[in-house]
C-alpha atoms as a PDB file:
ATOM      1  CA  MET A   1       0.000   0.000   0.000  1.00  0.00           C
ATOM      2  CA  ASN A   2       2.827   2.413   0.863  1.00  0.00           C
ATOM      3  CA  LEU A   3       4.422   1.791  -2.529  1.00  0.00           C
ATOM      4  CA  ILE A   4       1.146   2.746  -4.234  1.00  0.00           C
ATOM      5  CA  VAL A   5       1.010   6.016  -2.285  1.00  0.00           C
ATOM      6  CA  ILE A   6       4.691   6.736  -3.003  1.00  0.00           C
ATOM      7  CA  SER A   7       4.127   6.110  -6.724  1.00  0.00           C
ATOM      8  CA  TYR A   8       1.909   9.215  -6.881  1.00  0.00           C
ATOM      9  CA  SER A   9       4.890  11.353  -5.854  1.00  0.00           C
ATOM     10  CA  PHE A  10       6.609  10.468  -9.145  1.00  0.00           C
ATOM     11  CA  VAL A  11       3.766  11.816 -11.272  1.00  0.00           C
ATOM     12  CA  GLU A  12       4.308  15.578 -10.969  1.00  0.00           C
ATOM     13  CA  PRO A  13       8.100  15.579 -11.629  1.00  0.00           C
ATOM     14  CA  LEU A  14       7.589  13.290 -14.625  1.00  0.00           C
ATOM     15  CA  ARG A  15       4.757  15.446 -15.971  1.00  0.00           C
ATOM     16  CA  ARG A  16       7.024  18.492 -15.901  1.00  0.00           C
ATOM     17  CA  ARG A  17       9.695  16.642 -17.856  1.00  0.00           C
ATOM     18  CA  PHE A  18       7.681  14.552 -20.330  1.00  0.00           C
ATOM     19  CA  ALA A  19       4.570  14.981 -22.479  1.00  0.00           C
ATOM     20  CA  THR A  20       1.439  13.023 -21.559  1.00  0.00           C
ATOM     21  CA  LYS A  21       1.839  10.747 -24.595  1.00  0.00           C
ATOM     22  CA  THR A  22       5.405   9.847 -23.616  1.00  0.00           C
ATOM     23  CA  LEU A  23       4.377   9.012 -20.068  1.00  0.00           C
ATOM     24  CA  TRP A  24       1.531   6.795 -21.283  1.00  0.00           C
ATOM     25  CA  ILE A  25       3.851   4.902 -23.651  1.00  0.00           C
ATOM     26  CA  LEU A  26       6.551   4.537 -20.974  1.00  0.00           C
ATOM     27  CA  GLU A  27       4.024   3.266 -18.435  1.00  0.00           C
ATOM     28  CA  ASP A  28       2.644   0.740 -20.930  1.00  0.00           C
ATOM     29  CA  ALA A  29       6.114  -0.373 -22.046  1.00  0.00           C
ATOM     30  CA  TRP A  30       7.235  -0.768 -18.413  1.00  0.00           C
ATOM     31  CA  THR A  31       4.364  -3.165 -17.673  1.00  0.00           C
ATOM     32  CA  ASP A  32       4.972  -5.079 -20.920  1.00  0.00           C
ATOM     33  CA  MET A  33       8.659  -5.454 -20.089  1.00  0.00           C
ATOM     34  CA  LEU A  34       7.834  -6.856 -16.644  1.00  0.00           C
ATOM     35  CA  TRP A  35       5.440  -9.470 -18.029  1.00  0.00           C
ATOM     36  CA  LEU A  36       7.880 -10.402 -20.802  1.00  0.00           C
ATOM     37  CA  THR A  37      10.442 -11.030 -18.059  1.00  0.00           C
ATOM     38  CA  VAL A  38       7.974 -13.217 -16.139  1.00  0.00           C
ATOM     39  CA  PHE A  39       7.233 -15.194 -19.297  1.00  0.00           C
ATOM     40  CA  GLY A  40      10.913 -15.525 -20.200  1.00  0.00           C
ATOM     41  CA  ILE A  41      12.000 -16.783 -16.779  1.00  0.00           C
ATOM     42  CA  GLY A  42       8.879 -18.921 -16.401  1.00  0.00           C
ATOM     43  CA  SER A  43       9.569 -20.635 -19.736  1.00  0.00           C
ATOM     44  CA  ILE A  44      13.069 -21.750 -18.753  1.00  0.00           C
ATOM     45  CA  ASN A  45      13.175 -25.361 -17.497  1.00  0.00           C
ATOM     46  CA  LYS A  46       9.417 -25.293 -16.891  1.00  0.00           C
ATOM     47  CA  ASN A  47       9.784 -22.724 -14.110  1.00  0.00           C
ATOM     48  CA  PHE A  48       6.115 -21.813 -14.566  1.00  0.00           C
ATOM     49  CA  LYS A  49       5.308 -25.109 -12.782  1.00  0.00           C
ATOM     50  CA  LYS A  50       7.656 -24.473  -9.852  1.00  0.00           C
ATOM     51  CA  LYS A  51       5.925 -22.566  -7.056  1.00  0.00           C
ATOM     52  CA  ALA A  52       9.247 -21.705  -5.433  1.00  0.00           C
ATOM     53  CA  VAL A  53      10.215 -19.823  -8.614  1.00  0.00           C
ATOM     54  CA  ILE A  54       7.015 -18.488 -10.137  1.00  0.00           C
ATOM     55  CA  LEU A  55       5.318 -17.163  -6.988  1.00  0.00           C
ATOM     56  CA  PRO A  56       8.272 -14.956  -5.868  1.00  0.00           C
ATOM     57  CA  LEU A  57       8.777 -13.923  -9.505  1.00  0.00           C
ATOM     58  CA  MET A  58       5.182 -12.729  -9.860  1.00  0.00           C
ATOM     59  CA  ALA A  59       5.366 -11.020  -6.460  1.00  0.00           C
ATOM     60  CA  ILE A  60       8.451  -9.105  -7.619  1.00  0.00           C
ATOM     61  CA  GLU A  61       6.645  -8.221 -10.869  1.00  0.00           C
ATOM     62  CA  GLU A  62       3.750  -6.773  -8.871  1.00  0.00           C
ATOM     63  CA  ILE A  63       6.112  -4.723  -6.699  1.00  0.00           C
ATOM     64  CA  PHE A  64       7.778  -3.163  -9.734  1.00  0.00           C
ATOM     65  CA  GLU A  65       4.426  -2.637 -11.441  1.00  0.00           C
ATOM     66  CA  MET A  66       3.126  -0.742  -8.391  1.00  0.00           C
ATOM     67  CA  CYS A  67       6.006   1.728  -8.822  1.00  0.00           C
ATOM     68  CA  ILE A  68       4.059   3.261 -11.709  1.00  0.00           C
ATOM     69  CA  TYR A  69       0.596   2.820 -10.203  1.00  0.00           C
ATOM     70  CA  GLY A  70       0.243   6.586  -9.800  1.00  0.00           C
ATOM     71  CA  LEU A  71       1.017   7.163 -13.483  1.00  0.00           C
ATOM     72  CA  ARG A  72      -1.470   4.482 -14.505  1.00  0.00           C
ATOM     73  CA  ARG A  73      -4.229   6.174 -12.511  1.00  0.00           C
ATOM     74  CA  VAL A  74      -3.449   9.785 -13.481  1.00  0.00           C
ATOM     75  CA  ILE A  75      -2.233   9.755 -17.083  1.00  0.00           C
ATOM     76  CA  PRO A  76      -5.238   8.075 -18.811  1.00  0.00           C
ATOM     77  CA  ALA A  77      -7.604  10.488 -17.042  1.00  0.00           C
ATOM     78  CA  GLU A  78      -5.382  13.371 -18.113  1.00  0.00           C
ATOM     79  CA  ILE A  79      -5.449  12.160 -21.716  1.00  0.00           C
ATOM     80  CA  ASP A  80      -9.260  12.099 -21.561  1.00  0.00           C
ATOM     81  CA  ASN A  81      -9.335  15.679 -20.264  1.00  0.00           C
ATOM     82  CA  GLU A  82      -6.781  16.902 -22.789  1.00  0.00           C
ATOM     83  CA  SER A  83      -8.765  15.289 -25.619  1.00  0.00           C
ATOM     84  CA  MET A  84     -11.949  17.059 -24.547  1.00  0.00           C
ATOM     85  CA  ASP A  85     -10.087  20.364 -24.251  1.00  0.00           C
ATOM     86  CA  TYR A  86      -8.485  19.795 -27.651  1.00  0.00           C
ATOM     87  CA  CYS A  87     -11.924  19.250 -29.205  1.00  0.00           C
ATOM     88  CA  GLU A  88     -13.147  22.501 -27.619  1.00  0.00           C
ATOM     89  CA  TRP A  89     -10.022  24.309 -28.795  1.00  0.00           C
ATOM     90  CA  LYS A  90     -10.360  23.158 -32.399  1.00  0.00           C
ATOM     91  CA  ASN A  91     -14.142  22.943 -32.808  1.00  0.00           C
ATOM     92  CA  GLY A  92     -15.612  25.213 -30.165  1.00  0.00           C
ATOM     93  CA  TYR A  93     -17.569  22.475 -28.364  1.00  0.00           C
ATOM     94  CA  ARG A  94     -16.958  19.579 -25.958  1.00  0.00           C
ATOM     95  CA  THR A  95     -17.907  15.910 -26.439  1.00  0.00           C
ATOM     96  CA  GLU A  96     -17.725  14.302 -22.968  1.00  0.00           C
ATOM     97  CA  ALA A  97     -21.041  12.449 -23.325  1.00  0.00           C
ATOM     98  CA  MET A  98     -20.244  11.020 -26.772  1.00  0.00           C
ATOM     99  CA  ALA A  99     -16.723  10.048 -25.694  1.00  0.00           C
ATOM    100  CA  SER A 100     -18.075   8.327 -22.592  1.00  0.00           C
ATOM    101  CA  VAL A 101     -20.574   6.311 -24.652  1.00  0.00           C
ATOM    102  CA  ALA A 102     -17.888   5.370 -27.197  1.00  0.00           C
ATOM    103  CA  LYS A 103     -15.533   4.232 -24.421  1.00  0.00           C
ATOM    104  CA  GLY A 104     -18.281   2.146 -22.855  1.00  0.00           C
ATOM    105  CA  ILE A 105     -19.093   0.427 -26.151  1.00  0.00           C
ATOM    106  CA  ALA A 106     -15.407  -0.205 -26.861  1.00  0.00           C
ATOM    107  CA  ALA A 107     -14.920  -1.706 -23.388  1.00  0.00           C
ATOM    108  CA  LYS A 108     -17.892  -4.067 -23.857  1.00  0.00           C
ATOM    109  CA  VAL A 109     -16.738  -5.129 -27.327  1.00  0.00           C
ATOM    110  CA  SER A 110     -13.224  -5.741 -25.995  1.00  0.00           C
ATOM    111  CA  SER A 111     -14.490  -7.737 -23.016  1.00  0.00           C
ATOM    112  CA  ASN A 112     -16.813  -9.917 -25.102  1.00  0.00           C
ATOM    113  CA  THR A 113     -14.174 -10.471 -27.791  1.00  0.00           C
ATOM    114  CA  SER A 114     -11.626 -11.433 -25.152  1.00  0.00           C
ATOM    115  CA  LEU A 115     -14.039 -13.969 -23.665  1.00  0.00           C
ATOM    116  CA  VAL A 116     -14.733 -15.552 -27.054  1.00  0.00           C
ATOM    117  CA  VAL A 117     -11.044 -15.660 -28.029  1.00  0.00           C
ATOM    118  CA  THR A 118      -9.985 -17.062 -24.645  1.00  0.00           C
ATOM    119  CA  THR A 119     -12.606 -19.827 -24.867  1.00  0.00           C
ATOM    120  CA  ALA A 120     -11.524 -20.669 -28.420  1.00  0.00           C
ATOM    121  CA  LEU A 121      -7.844 -20.747 -27.464  1.00  0.00           C
ATOM    122  CA  LYS A 122      -8.501 -23.026 -24.488  1.00  0.00           C
ATOM    123  CA  LYS A 123     -10.327 -25.420 -26.770  1.00  0.00           C
ATOM    124  CA  LEU A 124      -7.517 -25.224 -29.327  1.00  0.00           C
ATOM    125  CA  ILE A 125      -4.787 -26.124 -26.810  1.00  0.00           C
ATOM    126  CA  GLY A 126      -6.778 -29.038 -25.405  1.00  0.00           C
ATOM    127  CA  TYR A 127      -7.740 -27.533 -22.063  1.00  0.00           C
ATOM    128  CA  GLU A 128     -10.087 -29.815 -20.112  1.00  0.00           C
ATOM    129  CA  ALA A 129     -12.528 -27.651 -18.140  1.00  0.00           C
ATOM    130  CA  ASN A 130     -13.650 -30.526 -15.920  1.00  0.00           C
ATOM    131  CA  ALA A 131     -10.183 -31.968 -15.311  1.00  0.00           C
ATOM    132  CA  PHE A 132     -10.109 -31.186 -11.587  1.00  0.00           C
ATOM    133  CA  ARG A 133     -13.576 -32.637 -10.985  1.00  0.00           C
ATOM    134  CA  LEU A 134     -12.684 -35.752 -12.963  1.00  0.00           C
ATOM    135  CA  GLY A 135      -9.372 -36.158 -11.166  1.00  0.00           C
ATOM    136  CA  VAL A 136      -7.418 -35.634 -14.388  1.00  0.00           C
ATOM    137  CA  GLU A 137      -4.365 -33.360 -14.573  1.00  0.00           C
ATOM    138  CA  GLN A 138      -3.787 -30.970 -17.452  1.00  0.00           C
ATOM    139  CA  THR A 139      -0.793 -31.864 -19.622  1.00  0.00           C
ATOM    140  CA  ASP A 140       2.440 -29.844 -19.394  1.00  0.00           C
ATOM    141  CA  LYS A 141       1.749 -28.516 -22.875  1.00  0.00           C
ATOM    142  CA  VAL A 142      -1.678 -27.217 -21.818  1.00  0.00           C
ATOM    143  CA  LYS A 143      -0.216 -25.707 -18.623  1.00  0.00           C
ATOM    144  CA  PHE A 144       2.451 -23.893 -20.638  1.00  0.00           C
ATOM    145  CA  TYR A 145      -0.086 -22.480 -23.077  1.00  0.00           C
ATOM    146  CA  LEU A 146      -2.282 -21.346 -20.185  1.00  0.00           C
ATOM    147  CA  PHE A 147       0.759 -19.624 -18.689  1.00  0.00           C
ATOM    148  CA  ALA A 148       1.401 -17.938 -22.043  1.00  0.00           C
ATOM    149  CA  MET A 149      -2.247 -16.895 -22.376  1.00  0.00           C
ATOM    150  CA  PHE A 150      -2.087 -14.940 -19.143  1.00  0.00           C
ATOM    151  CA  THR A 151       1.398 -13.456 -19.558  1.00  0.00           C
ATOM    152  CA  ILE A 152       2.800 -13.018 -23.066  1.00  0.00           C
ATOM    153  CA  ILE A 153      -0.393 -12.967 -25.185  1.00  0.00           C
ATOM    154  CA  PRO A 154      -2.081 -10.061 -23.313  1.00  0.00           C
ATOM    155  CA  THR A 155       1.253  -8.242 -23.374  1.00  0.00           C
ATOM    156  CA  VAL A 156       1.641  -8.589 -27.146  1.00  0.00           C
ATOM    157  CA  THR A 157      -1.975  -7.731 -27.975  1.00  0.00           C
ATOM    158  CA  GLY A 158      -2.099  -4.912 -25.403  1.00  0.00           C
ATOM    159  CA  SER A 159       1.058  -3.337 -26.808  1.00  0.00           C
ATOM    160  CA  LEU A 160      -0.865  -2.621 -30.025  1.00  0.00           C
ATOM    161  CA  GLY A 161      -2.568   0.154 -28.054  1.00  0.00           C
ATOM    162  CA  ILE A 162       0.627   2.162 -28.456  1.00  0.00           C
ATOM    163  CA  ILE A 163      -0.059   2.594 -32.192  1.00  0.00           C
ATOM    164  CA  PRO A 164      -2.953   5.109 -31.820  1.00  0.00           C
ATOM    165  CA  MET A 165      -0.931   7.005 -29.211  1.00  0.00           C
ATOM    166  CA  LEU A 166       1.769   7.684 -31.801  1.00  0.00           C
ATOM    167  CA  PHE A 167      -0.732  10.040 -33.468  1.00  0.00           C
ATOM    168  CA  TYR A 168      -1.412  11.926 -30.224  1.00  0.00           C
ATOM    169  CA  ASP A 169       0.541  15.079 -31.048  1.00  0.00           C
ATOM    170  CA  LEU A 170      -0.370  17.239 -28.047  1.00  0.00           C
ATOM    171  CA  ASP A 171       3.116  17.915 -26.684  1.00  0.00           C
ATOM    172  CA  ASN A 172       3.844  20.282 -23.787  1.00  0.00           C
ATOM    173  CA  LYS A 173       4.446  23.323 -26.033  1.00  0.00           C
ATOM    174  CA  LYS A 174       1.229  22.815 -28.007  1.00  0.00           C
ATOM    175  CA  LYS A 175      -0.683  22.118 -24.792  1.00  0.00           C
ATOM    176  CA  GLU A 176       0.466  25.418 -23.259  1.00  0.00           C
ATOM    177  CA  LYS A 177      -0.729  27.290 -26.355  1.00  0.00           C
ATOM    178  CA  MET A 178      -4.059  25.427 -26.288  1.00  0.00           C
ATOM    179  CA  TYR A 179      -4.796  26.206 -22.636  1.00  0.00           C
ATOM    180  CA  ALA A 180      -3.739  29.837 -23.013  1.00  0.00           C
ATOM    181  CA  GLU A 181      -6.169  30.301 -25.910  1.00  0.00           C
ATOM    182  CA  LEU A 182      -8.929  28.374 -24.146  1.00  0.00           C
ATOM    183  CA  LEU A 183      -8.522  30.514 -21.025  1.00  0.00           C
ATOM    184  CA  GLU A 184      -8.760  33.664 -23.153  1.00  0.00           C
ATOM    185  CA  ARG A 185     -11.941  32.386 -24.854  1.00  0.00           C
ATOM    186  CA  ARG A 186     -13.551  31.328 -21.583  1.00  0.00           C
ATOM    187  CA  LEU A 187     -12.808  34.677 -19.963  1.00  0.00           C
ATOM    188  CA  GLU A 188     -14.283  36.431 -22.976  1.00  0.00           C
ATOM    189  CA  THR A 189     -17.424  34.264 -22.787  1.00  0.00           C
ATOM    190  CA  ALA A 190     -17.701  34.861 -19.025  1.00  0.00           C
ATOM    191  CA  ASN A 191     -17.369  38.619 -19.526  1.00  0.00           C
ATOM    192  CA  LYS A 192     -20.072  38.610 -22.194  1.00  0.00           C
ATOM    193  CA  ALA A 193     -22.366  36.595 -19.967  1.00  0.00           C
ATOM    194  CA  SER A 194     -21.729  38.940 -17.029  1.00  0.00           C
ATOM    195  CA  SER A 195     -22.356  42.001 -19.215  1.00  0.00           C
ATOM    196  CA  GLY A 196     -25.645  40.508 -20.421  1.00  0.00           C
ATOM    197  CA  ILE A 197     -26.794  39.754 -16.892  1.00  0.00           C
ATOM    198  CA  LEU A 198     -25.838  43.192 -15.609  1.00  0.00           C
ATOM    199  CA  SER A 199     -27.555  44.961 -18.529  1.00  0.00           C
ATOM    200  CA  GLU A 200     -30.803  43.193 -17.688  1.00  0.00           C
END
């Protein structure tokens, strides 16, 4: 828990030094690197079957992953806010409701697709759903593929999310210009509204 709290202290210094896009990519790459390490070590000499190796290894992975917990909680929300502000800056209106609906639909599609693909993959590798109840043990091949399904495969497919972020061109300099212009517009709108109210 303390590590999670400490991780938030890294956010502000990193935000001053790096653009939001860079921080998101670094955070994603850091997590991918950790899981690639778990998969690599777990694959050697069937370490994924050895509790004395795999349990401490995954505990260490979690510790290192919690080092960037603060970034993972702050940066995506900041990207959402920046995107809404960017839309207002370029188009003169905000789209929070539409963006929220689109995110919800995308999350449901992703979840349902993942369920279908996972079920298909388990069938493909010969996973026996009732093995425990029947007193049958999964083969080493099936155990390895299950290990891969929950380590390397999500890492590889999840890393594709970096591709859209490469087109996120709101760097710190452009962001400063955007917020300066937005502030000027909002003050102008507020002044007009105040003048209208006072004139009535």
